Amino acid sequence: MATREVLVKDTHGWTIRFAPPLVVTDDEVAMAIGALAAVLNDRS
């Protein structure tokens, strides 16, 4: 995810923890969701 400019932390197995800033735009949320989808698609 870091290579896609989204920082996350793995926690105990299959959980991914996002830590967004207190103020986040719709575009930033869409970018993070897109990055997660791309990573999951690359893994399958």
PDB file of N, CA and C in Angstrom:
ATOM      1  N   MET A   1       0.813  -1.176   0.000  1.00  0.00           N
ATOM      2  CA  MET A   1       0.000   0.000   0.000  1.00  0.00           C
ATOM      3  C   MET A   1       0.870   1.258   0.000  1.00  0.00           C
ATOM      4  N   ALA A   2       2.010   1.204   0.651  1.00  0.00           N
ATOM      5  CA  ALA A   2       2.876   2.384   0.703  1.00  0.00           C
ATOM      6  C   ALA A   2       3.335   2.796  -0.698  1.00  0.00           C
ATOM      7  N   THR A   3       3.560   1.815  -1.572  1.00  0.00           N
ATOM      8  CA  THR A   3       3.962   2.162  -2.944  1.00  0.00           C
ATOM      9  C   THR A   3       2.835   2.839  -3.699  1.00  0.00           C
ATOM     10  N   ARG A   4       1.621   2.725  -3.182  1.00  0.00           N
ATOM     11  CA  ARG A   4       0.454   3.393  -3.774  1.00  0.00           C
ATOM     12  C   ARG A   4       0.058   4.632  -2.967  1.00  0.00           C
ATOM     13  N   GLU A   5       0.975   5.076  -2.108  1.00  0.00           N
ATOM     14  CA  GLU A   5       0.834   6.296  -1.318  1.00  0.00           C
ATOM     15  C   GLU A   5      -0.294   6.236  -0.290  1.00  0.00           C
ATOM     16  N   VAL A   6      -0.543   5.031   0.258  1.00  0.00           N
ATOM     17  CA  VAL A   6      -1.519   4.863   1.333  1.00  0.00           C
ATOM     18  C   VAL A   6      -0.821   4.106   2.454  1.00  0.00           C
ATOM     19  N   LEU A   7      -0.774   4.715   3.630  1.00  0.00           N
ATOM     20  CA  LEU A   7      -0.128   4.072   4.766  1.00  0.00           C
ATOM     21  C   LEU A   7      -1.147   3.298   5.584  1.00  0.00           C
ATOM     22  N   VAL A   8      -0.846   2.049   5.870  1.00  0.00           N
ATOM     23  CA  VAL A   8      -1.705   1.191   6.681  1.00  0.00           C
ATOM     24  C   VAL A   8      -0.817   0.383   7.618  1.00  0.00           C
ATOM     25  N   LYS A   9      -1.442  -0.260   8.601  1.00  0.00           N
ATOM     26  CA  LYS A   9      -0.715  -1.112   9.535  1.00  0.00           C
ATOM     27  C   LYS A   9      -1.452  -2.438   9.642  1.00  0.00           C
ATOM     28  N   ASP A  10      -0.717  -3.519   9.515  1.00  0.00           N
ATOM     29  CA  ASP A  10      -1.346  -4.832   9.693  1.00  0.00           C
ATOM     30  C   ASP A  10      -1.535  -5.086  11.185  1.00  0.00           C
ATOM     31  N   THR A  11      -2.620  -5.748  11.520  1.00  0.00           N
ATOM     32  CA  THR A  11      -2.897  -6.048  12.930  1.00  0.00           C
ATOM     33  C   THR A  11      -3.454  -7.456  13.033  1.00  0.00           C
ATOM     34  N   HIS A  12      -2.726  -8.332  13.674  1.00  0.00           N
ATOM     35  CA  HIS A  12      -3.197  -9.665  14.048  1.00  0.00           C
ATOM     36  C   HIS A  12      -3.927 -10.407  12.927  1.00  0.00           C
ATOM     37  N   GLY A  13      -3.212 -10.886  11.973  1.00  0.00           N
ATOM     38  CA  GLY A  13      -3.816 -11.745  10.964  1.00  0.00           C
ATOM     39  C   GLY A  13      -4.301 -10.997   9.739  1.00  0.00           C
ATOM     40  N   TRP A  14      -5.595 -10.967   9.546  1.00  0.00           N
ATOM     41  CA  TRP A  14      -6.184 -10.470   8.302  1.00  0.00           C
ATOM     42  C   TRP A  14      -6.730  -9.048   8.388  1.00  0.00           C
ATOM     43  N   THR A  15      -6.504  -8.345   9.471  1.00  0.00           N
ATOM     44  CA  THR A  15      -7.047  -7.001   9.657  1.00  0.00           C
ATOM     45  C   THR A  15      -6.048  -5.963   9.170  1.00  0.00           C
ATOM     46  N   ILE A  16      -6.542  -4.974   8.434  1.00  0.00           N
ATOM     47  CA  ILE A  16      -5.715  -3.852   7.992  1.00  0.00           C
ATOM     48  C   ILE A  16      -6.260  -2.599   8.666  1.00  0.00           C
ATOM     49  N   ARG A  17      -5.398  -1.852   9.317  1.00  0.00           N
ATOM     50  CA  ARG A  17      -5.814  -0.640  10.011  1.00  0.00           C
ATOM     51  C   ARG A  17      -5.427   0.584   9.185  1.00  0.00           C
ATOM     52  N   PHE A  18      -6.435   1.378   8.857  1.00  0.00           N
ATOM     53  CA  PHE A  18      -6.203   2.654   8.189  1.00  0.00           C
ATOM     54  C   PHE A  18      -6.168   3.739   9.256  1.00  0.00           C
ATOM     55  N   ALA A  19      -5.355   4.732   9.078  1.00  0.00           N
ATOM     56  CA  ALA A  19      -5.288   5.858  10.004  1.00  0.00           C
ATOM     57  C   ALA A  19      -5.360   7.155   9.190  1.00  0.00           C
ATOM     58  N   PRO A  20      -6.562   7.487   8.730  1.00  0.00           N
ATOM     59  CA  PRO A  20      -6.680   8.701   7.909  1.00  0.00           C
ATOM     60  C   PRO A  20      -6.530   9.957   8.764  1.00  0.00           C
ATOM     61  N   PRO A  21      -6.231  11.065   8.129  1.00  0.00           N
ATOM     62  CA  PRO A  21      -6.175  12.320   8.876  1.00  0.00           C
ATOM     63  C   PRO A  21      -7.579  12.689   9.373  1.00  0.00           C
ATOM     64  N   LEU A  22      -7.650  13.635  10.292  1.00  0.00           N
ATOM     65  CA  LEU A  22      -8.951  14.055  10.821  1.00  0.00           C
ATOM     66  C   LEU A  22      -9.832  14.686   9.748  1.00  0.00           C
ATOM     67  N   VAL A  23      -9.205  15.322   8.777  1.00  0.00           N
ATOM     68  CA  VAL A  23      -9.940  15.926   7.664  1.00  0.00           C
ATOM     69  C   VAL A  23      -9.494  15.217   6.399  1.00  0.00           C
ATOM     70  N   VAL A  24     -10.444  14.619   5.697  1.00  0.00           N
ATOM     71  CA  VAL A  24     -10.131  13.880   4.479  1.00  0.00           C
ATOM     72  C   VAL A  24     -11.201  14.211   3.439  1.00  0.00           C
ATOM     73  N   THR A  25     -10.771  14.371   2.201  1.00  0.00           N
ATOM     74  CA  THR A  25     -11.719  14.707   1.130  1.00  0.00           C
ATOM     75  C   THR A  25     -12.286  13.433   0.514  1.00  0.00           C
ATOM     76  N   ASP A  26     -13.384  13.595  -0.206  1.00  0.00           N
ATOM     77  CA  ASP A  26     -13.973  12.460  -0.922  1.00  0.00           C
ATOM     78  C   ASP A  26     -12.979  11.872  -1.915  1.00  0.00           C
ATOM     79  N   ASP A  27     -12.206  12.731  -2.573  1.00  0.00           N
ATOM     80  CA  ASP A  27     -11.214  12.252  -3.545  1.00  0.00           C
ATOM     81  C   ASP A  27     -10.126  11.425  -2.863  1.00  0.00           C
ATOM     82  N   GLU A  28      -9.710  11.826  -1.669  1.00  0.00           N
ATOM     83  CA  GLU A  28      -8.691  11.076  -0.945  1.00  0.00           C
ATOM     84  C   GLU A  28      -9.222   9.708  -0.503  1.00  0.00           C
ATOM     85  N   VAL A  29     -10.480   9.653  -0.070  1.00  0.00           N
ATOM     86  CA  VAL A  29     -11.083   8.377   0.301  1.00  0.00           C
ATOM     87  C   VAL A  29     -11.177   7.477  -0.923  1.00  0.00           C
ATOM     88  N   ALA A  30     -11.595   8.031  -2.051  1.00  0.00           N
ATOM     89  CA  ALA A  30     -11.704   7.258  -3.286  1.00  0.00           C
ATOM     90  C   ALA A  30     -10.341   6.729  -3.716  1.00  0.00           C
ATOM     91  N   MET A  31      -9.290   7.538  -3.557  1.00  0.00           N
ATOM     92  CA  MET A  31      -7.940   7.106  -3.918  1.00  0.00           C
ATOM     93  C   MET A  31      -7.498   5.945  -3.031  1.00  0.00           C
ATOM     94  N   ALA A  32      -7.771   6.036  -1.726  1.00  0.00           N
ATOM     95  CA  ALA A  32      -7.375   4.966  -0.811  1.00  0.00           C
ATOM     96  C   ALA A  32      -8.129   3.674  -1.107  1.00  0.00           C
ATOM     97  N   ILE A  33      -9.411   3.777  -1.387  1.00  0.00           N
ATOM     98  CA  ILE A  33     -10.206   2.589  -1.725  1.00  0.00           C
ATOM     99  C   ILE A  33      -9.721   1.987  -3.035  1.00  0.00           C
ATOM    100  N   GLY A  34      -9.401   2.823  -4.003  1.00  0.00           N
ATOM    101  CA  GLY A  34      -8.868   2.342  -5.276  1.00  0.00           C
ATOM    102  C   GLY A  34      -7.542   1.628  -5.095  1.00  0.00           C
ATOM    103  N   ALA A  35      -6.684   2.171  -4.236  1.00  0.00           N
ATOM    104  CA  ALA A  35      -5.380   1.548  -3.972  1.00  0.00           C
ATOM    105  C   ALA A  35      -5.568   0.195  -3.305  1.00  0.00           C
ATOM    106  N   LEU A  36      -6.480   0.110  -2.341  1.00  0.00           N
ATOM    107  CA  LEU A  36      -6.750  -1.166  -1.671  1.00  0.00           C
ATOM    108  C   LEU A  36      -7.294  -2.184  -2.669  1.00  0.00           C
ATOM    109  N   ALA A  37      -8.216  -1.774  -3.510  1.00  0.00           N
ATOM    110  CA  ALA A  37      -8.784  -2.677  -4.517  1.00  0.00           C
ATOM    111  C   ALA A  37      -7.694  -3.186  -5.458  1.00  0.00           C
ATOM    112  N   ALA A  38      -6.788  -2.303  -5.866  1.00  0.00           N
ATOM    113  CA  ALA A  38      -5.713  -2.689  -6.776  1.00  0.00           C
ATOM    114  C   ALA A  38      -4.787  -3.714  -6.112  1.00  0.00           C
ATOM    115  N   VAL A  39      -4.462  -3.494  -4.844  1.00  0.00           N
ATOM    116  CA  VAL A  39      -3.589  -4.436  -4.124  1.00  0.00           C
ATOM    117  C   VAL A  39      -4.277  -5.782  -4.002  1.00  0.00           C
ATOM    118  N   LEU A  40      -5.550  -5.789  -3.646  1.00  0.00           N
ATOM    119  CA  LEU A  40      -6.274  -7.060  -3.502  1.00  0.00           C
ATOM    120  C   LEU A  40      -6.390  -7.776  -4.850  1.00  0.00           C
ATOM    121  N   ASN A  41      -6.603  -7.039  -5.916  1.00  0.00           N
ATOM    122  CA  ASN A  41      -6.670  -7.662  -7.250  1.00  0.00           C
ATOM    123  C   ASN A  41      -5.318  -8.223  -7.664  1.00  0.00           C
ATOM    124  N   ASP A  42      -4.235  -7.542  -7.310  1.00  0.00           N
ATOM    125  CA  ASP A  42      -2.897  -8.035  -7.631  1.00  0.00           C
ATOM    126  C   ASP A  42      -2.589  -9.337  -6.897  1.00  0.00           C
ATOM    127  N   ARG A  43      -3.169  -9.513  -5.715  1.00  0.00           N
ATOM    128  CA  ARG A  43      -2.903 -10.702  -4.886  1.00  0.00           C
ATOM    129  C   ARG A  43      -3.713 -11.911  -5.320  1.00  0.00           C
ATOM    130  N   SER A  44      -4.768 -11.712  -6.100  1.00  0.00           N
ATOM    131  CA  SER A  44      -5.619 -12.859  -6.466  1.00  0.00           C
ATOM    132  C   SER A  44      -5.244 -13.462  -7.795  1.00  0.00           C
TER     133      SER A  44
END
